[in-house]
Structures are given as structure tokens and as C-alpha cells.
Amino acid sequence: MAAHSPQAPRDEGSLSLADLPEGGSAVVDRVDASTPIGRRLQDLGFVKSTRVTMVRPAPLGDPVIYELRGTRLCLRRSEARLVQVRPE
């Protein structure tokens, strides 16, 4: 049975943080805080108008290193899908 990955609803012009290309930067539009993981992402600094950069993926593509507010965080793509961003 396939695991269900939660995903925040999308607005036009926004994309999931998981869709950000390597080296790409974007600004957080919103976080799906309906789950404990989404609320934790907000606690870690993924809040509206925060700039985030996709530094690089792990050798097998997951997890991914992101940088925001001078800190590097490693997130699974399923977690990154909870964050909607707008490309810069």
C-alpha cells in the first residue's frame, strides 16, 4: 500500500518547496499547519515572507538541504510539500 503524502493546496504562481530546483530561491507563501509536522516547520522558521534556498539534495534525492535565516535544515520531500513558496 502506498503512503499518503500530505500536500498543501496550491495558489496560482506558487509551488511546493519540494519542487524548488537545486540552488533555487523562493519566499515562503504559507505552510499547511494542520499537521504536527507543519506546525513544527513554522516553529523552525518557515513563515510567510521568509526567503529559502534549496542547497542540494542527498545523493539519492531525499532528504534535501534547505537554507533559511542563516541556518541549514534537512527535510524529506514529503515534509517540504507542506510549504508553499513563490519563486524569486
N, C-alpha and C. Protein backbone atom coordinates (compact mmCIF):
# COMPACT_ATOMS: atom_id res chain seq x y z
N MET A 1 0.84 -1.17 0.00
CA MET A 1 0.00 0.00 0.00
C MET A 1 0.89 1.24 0.00
N ALA A 2 0.58 2.22 -0.83
CA ALA A 2 1.37 3.45 -0.93
C ALA A 2 1.07 4.37 0.24
N ALA A 3 2.12 5.06 0.69
CA ALA A 3 1.95 6.02 1.79
C ALA A 3 1.36 7.30 1.23
N HIS A 4 0.49 7.90 1.99
CA HIS A 4 -0.13 9.15 1.58
C HIS A 4 0.75 10.32 2.03
N SER A 5 1.13 11.20 1.11
CA SER A 5 1.92 12.37 1.44
C SER A 5 1.01 13.58 1.50
N PRO A 6 0.91 14.24 2.66
CA PRO A 6 0.07 15.43 2.72
C PRO A 6 0.66 16.52 1.83
N GLN A 7 -0.21 17.32 1.29
CA GLN A 7 0.23 18.40 0.44
C GLN A 7 -0.67 19.60 0.65
N ALA A 8 -0.06 20.76 0.81
CA ALA A 8 -0.84 21.98 0.99
C ALA A 8 -1.50 22.35 -0.34
N PRO A 9 -2.70 22.95 -0.30
CA PRO A 9 -3.34 23.39 -1.53
C PRO A 9 -2.50 24.47 -2.20
N ARG A 10 -2.54 24.52 -3.51
CA ARG A 10 -1.71 25.47 -4.24
C ARG A 10 -2.50 26.68 -4.72
N ASP A 11 -1.79 27.82 -4.76
CA ASP A 11 -2.30 29.03 -5.40
C ASP A 11 -1.59 29.15 -6.74
N GLU A 12 -2.18 29.92 -7.65
CA GLU A 12 -1.50 30.20 -8.90
C GLU A 12 -0.21 30.93 -8.59
N GLY A 13 0.87 30.55 -9.26
CA GLY A 13 2.15 31.22 -9.06
C GLY A 13 2.96 30.67 -7.90
N SER A 14 2.39 29.79 -7.11
CA SER A 14 3.16 29.21 -6.01
C SER A 14 3.46 27.76 -6.33
N LEU A 15 4.47 27.23 -5.67
CA LEU A 15 4.82 25.84 -5.83
C LEU A 15 5.25 25.28 -4.49
N SER A 16 5.35 24.01 -4.42
CA SER A 16 5.78 23.34 -3.21
C SER A 16 7.29 23.54 -3.05
N LEU A 17 7.75 23.65 -1.81
CA LEU A 17 9.18 23.75 -1.54
C LEU A 17 9.91 22.55 -2.12
N ALA A 18 9.26 21.40 -2.17
CA ALA A 18 9.86 20.19 -2.73
C ALA A 18 10.13 20.32 -4.23
N ASP A 19 9.46 21.26 -4.91
CA ASP A 19 9.63 21.45 -6.35
C ASP A 19 10.73 22.46 -6.69
N LEU A 20 11.32 23.09 -5.68
CA LEU A 20 12.36 24.09 -5.90
C LEU A 20 13.61 23.42 -6.46
N PRO A 21 14.19 23.95 -7.55
CA PRO A 21 15.38 23.31 -8.12
C PRO A 21 16.63 23.59 -7.28
N GLU A 22 17.66 22.79 -7.45
CA GLU A 22 18.90 22.98 -6.72
C GLU A 22 19.45 24.38 -6.98
N GLY A 23 19.78 25.09 -5.90
CA GLY A 23 20.28 26.46 -5.99
C GLY A 23 19.18 27.50 -6.11
N GLY A 24 17.95 27.08 -6.29
CA GLY A 24 16.82 27.99 -6.45
C GLY A 24 16.39 28.60 -5.13
N SER A 25 15.94 29.85 -5.20
CA SER A 25 15.45 30.55 -4.01
C SER A 25 14.00 30.93 -4.20
N ALA A 26 13.30 31.02 -3.10
CA ALA A 26 11.89 31.39 -3.13
C ALA A 26 11.54 32.02 -1.78
N VAL A 27 10.33 32.55 -1.72
CA VAL A 27 9.82 33.15 -0.49
C VAL A 27 8.63 32.32 -0.02
N VAL A 28 8.61 32.01 1.26
CA VAL A 28 7.52 31.21 1.81
C VAL A 28 6.21 31.97 1.67
N ASP A 29 5.23 31.30 1.11
CA ASP A 29 3.89 31.87 0.95
C ASP A 29 3.00 31.41 2.10
N ARG A 30 3.03 30.11 2.40
CA ARG A 30 2.27 29.57 3.54
C ARG A 30 2.71 28.15 3.85
N VAL A 31 2.35 27.71 5.04
CA VAL A 31 2.66 26.35 5.49
C VAL A 31 1.35 25.70 5.92
N ASP A 32 1.16 24.46 5.51
CA ASP A 32 -0.01 23.69 5.94
C ASP A 32 0.24 23.26 7.38
N ALA A 33 -0.30 24.01 8.33
CA ALA A 33 -0.08 23.75 9.75
C ALA A 33 -1.17 22.87 10.35
N SER A 34 -1.86 22.10 9.49
CA SER A 34 -2.92 21.23 10.00
C SER A 34 -2.35 19.93 10.57
N THR A 35 -1.04 19.73 10.42
CA THR A 35 -0.39 18.53 10.95
C THR A 35 0.69 18.94 11.94
N PRO A 36 1.10 18.05 12.82
CA PRO A 36 2.20 18.37 13.74
C PRO A 36 3.49 18.74 13.01
N ILE A 37 3.76 18.08 11.87
CA ILE A 37 4.97 18.40 11.12
C ILE A 37 4.89 19.81 10.56
N GLY A 38 3.73 20.21 10.03
CA GLY A 38 3.55 21.57 9.51
C GLY A 38 3.74 22.61 10.60
N ARG A 39 3.21 22.35 11.78
CA ARG A 39 3.39 23.30 12.90
C ARG A 39 4.86 23.38 13.31
N ARG A 40 5.55 22.24 13.27
CA ARG A 40 6.98 22.23 13.62
C ARG A 40 7.79 23.01 12.59
N LEU A 41 7.43 22.90 11.31
CA LEU A 41 8.11 23.67 10.27
C LEU A 41 7.96 25.16 10.53
N GLN A 42 6.79 25.60 10.96
CA GLN A 42 6.60 27.01 11.31
C GLN A 42 7.49 27.39 12.48
N ASP A 43 7.57 26.53 13.48
CA ASP A 43 8.44 26.78 14.63
C ASP A 43 9.91 26.90 14.22
N LEU A 44 10.30 26.17 13.18
CA LEU A 44 11.68 26.19 12.70
C LEU A 44 11.98 27.41 11.83
N GLY A 45 10.97 28.23 11.52
CA GLY A 45 11.20 29.45 10.77
C GLY A 45 10.57 29.52 9.40
N PHE A 46 9.85 28.49 8.98
CA PHE A 46 9.16 28.53 7.70
C PHE A 46 7.86 29.31 7.87
N VAL A 47 7.98 30.63 7.82
CA VAL A 47 6.84 31.52 7.97
C VAL A 47 6.77 32.45 6.77
N LYS A 48 5.60 33.02 6.54
CA LYS A 48 5.34 33.87 5.38
C LYS A 48 6.43 34.93 5.22
N SER A 49 6.86 35.12 3.99
CA SER A 49 7.84 36.12 3.57
C SER A 49 9.29 35.79 3.91
N THR A 50 9.54 34.57 4.39
CA THR A 50 10.91 34.16 4.68
C THR A 50 11.54 33.59 3.42
N ARG A 51 12.76 34.04 3.10
CA ARG A 51 13.47 33.56 1.92
C ARG A 51 14.10 32.21 2.25
N VAL A 52 13.97 31.26 1.33
CA VAL A 52 14.53 29.92 1.50
C VAL A 52 15.22 29.50 0.20
N THR A 53 16.36 28.82 0.35
CA THR A 53 17.13 28.35 -0.80
C THR A 53 17.30 26.84 -0.72
N MET A 54 17.14 26.16 -1.84
CA MET A 54 17.41 24.73 -1.89
C MET A 54 18.91 24.58 -2.15
N VAL A 55 19.63 24.10 -1.15
CA VAL A 55 21.08 24.00 -1.25
C VAL A 55 21.47 22.80 -2.12
N ARG A 56 21.07 21.60 -1.70
CA ARG A 56 21.34 20.42 -2.51
C ARG A 56 20.58 19.22 -1.94
N PRO A 57 20.28 18.27 -2.81
CA PRO A 57 19.65 17.03 -2.33
C PRO A 57 20.72 16.04 -1.87
N ALA A 58 20.31 15.05 -1.12
CA ALA A 58 21.18 13.93 -0.77
C ALA A 58 21.50 13.17 -2.06
N PRO A 59 22.54 12.33 -2.05
CA PRO A 59 22.90 11.61 -3.28
C PRO A 59 21.75 10.83 -3.92
N LEU A 60 20.83 10.30 -3.14
CA LEU A 60 19.70 9.56 -3.71
C LEU A 60 18.46 10.44 -3.88
N GLY A 61 18.59 11.75 -3.67
CA GLY A 61 17.49 12.68 -3.93
C GLY A 61 16.63 13.04 -2.73
N ASP A 62 16.75 12.32 -1.63
CA ASP A 62 15.92 12.60 -0.46
C ASP A 62 16.68 12.15 0.77
N PRO A 63 16.86 12.97 1.77
CA PRO A 63 16.27 14.28 2.01
C PRO A 63 17.02 15.39 1.26
N VAL A 64 16.58 16.63 1.50
CA VAL A 64 17.12 17.80 0.82
C VAL A 64 17.56 18.82 1.86
N ILE A 65 18.67 19.51 1.58
CA ILE A 65 19.14 20.57 2.47
C ILE A 65 18.60 21.91 1.97
N TYR A 66 17.96 22.64 2.89
CA TYR A 66 17.44 23.98 2.61
C TYR A 66 18.12 24.96 3.55
N GLU A 67 18.25 26.21 3.11
CA GLU A 67 18.82 27.25 3.96
C GLU A 67 17.82 28.38 4.12
N LEU A 68 17.58 28.78 5.36
CA LEU A 68 16.75 29.93 5.64
C LEU A 68 17.24 30.58 6.93
N ARG A 69 17.22 31.90 6.94
CA ARG A 69 17.64 32.69 8.10
C ARG A 69 19.02 32.29 8.62
N GLY A 70 19.94 31.97 7.70
CA GLY A 70 21.30 31.63 8.08
C GLY A 70 21.48 30.23 8.63
N THR A 71 20.45 29.40 8.56
CA THR A 71 20.50 28.05 9.09
C THR A 71 20.21 27.04 7.98
N ARG A 72 20.90 25.93 8.02
CA ARG A 72 20.64 24.85 7.06
C ARG A 72 19.85 23.75 7.75
N LEU A 73 18.77 23.33 7.08
CA LEU A 73 17.90 22.28 7.59
C LEU A 73 17.75 21.19 6.54
N CYS A 74 17.64 19.98 7.00
CA CYS A 74 17.46 18.85 6.11
C CYS A 74 16.02 18.35 6.27
N LEU A 75 15.27 18.35 5.16
CA LEU A 75 13.87 17.93 5.18
C LEU A 75 13.63 16.83 4.16
N ARG A 76 12.74 15.93 4.48
CA ARG A 76 12.26 14.97 3.49
C ARG A 76 11.38 15.72 2.50
N ARG A 77 11.28 15.23 1.31
CA ARG A 77 10.43 15.88 0.31
C ARG A 77 8.97 15.88 0.75
N SER A 78 8.54 14.83 1.44
CA SER A 78 7.16 14.79 1.92
C SER A 78 6.90 15.92 2.92
N GLU A 79 7.89 16.30 3.71
CA GLU A 79 7.74 17.42 4.64
C GLU A 79 7.78 18.75 3.90
N ALA A 80 8.67 18.85 2.92
CA ALA A 80 8.80 20.08 2.13
C ALA A 80 7.53 20.39 1.34
N ARG A 81 6.74 19.36 1.02
CA ARG A 81 5.48 19.59 0.28
C ARG A 81 4.46 20.36 1.11
N LEU A 82 4.65 20.45 2.40
CA LEU A 82 3.73 21.21 3.25
C LEU A 82 3.98 22.71 3.18
N VAL A 83 5.08 23.10 2.55
CA VAL A 83 5.46 24.52 2.45
C VAL A 83 5.23 25.00 1.03
N GLN A 84 4.40 26.01 0.87
CA GLN A 84 4.16 26.64 -0.44
C GLN A 84 5.03 27.87 -0.55
N VAL A 85 5.72 28.01 -1.69
CA VAL A 85 6.63 29.14 -1.89
C VAL A 85 6.33 29.83 -3.21
N ARG A 86 6.82 31.05 -3.32
CA ARG A 86 6.75 31.81 -4.56
C ARG A 86 8.18 32.06 -5.03
N PRO A 87 8.52 31.62 -6.26
CA PRO A 87 9.89 31.81 -6.76
C PRO A 87 10.28 33.28 -6.81
N GLU A 88 11.57 33.53 -6.60
CA GLU A 88 12.06 34.93 -6.68
C GLU A 88 12.43 35.26 -8.09
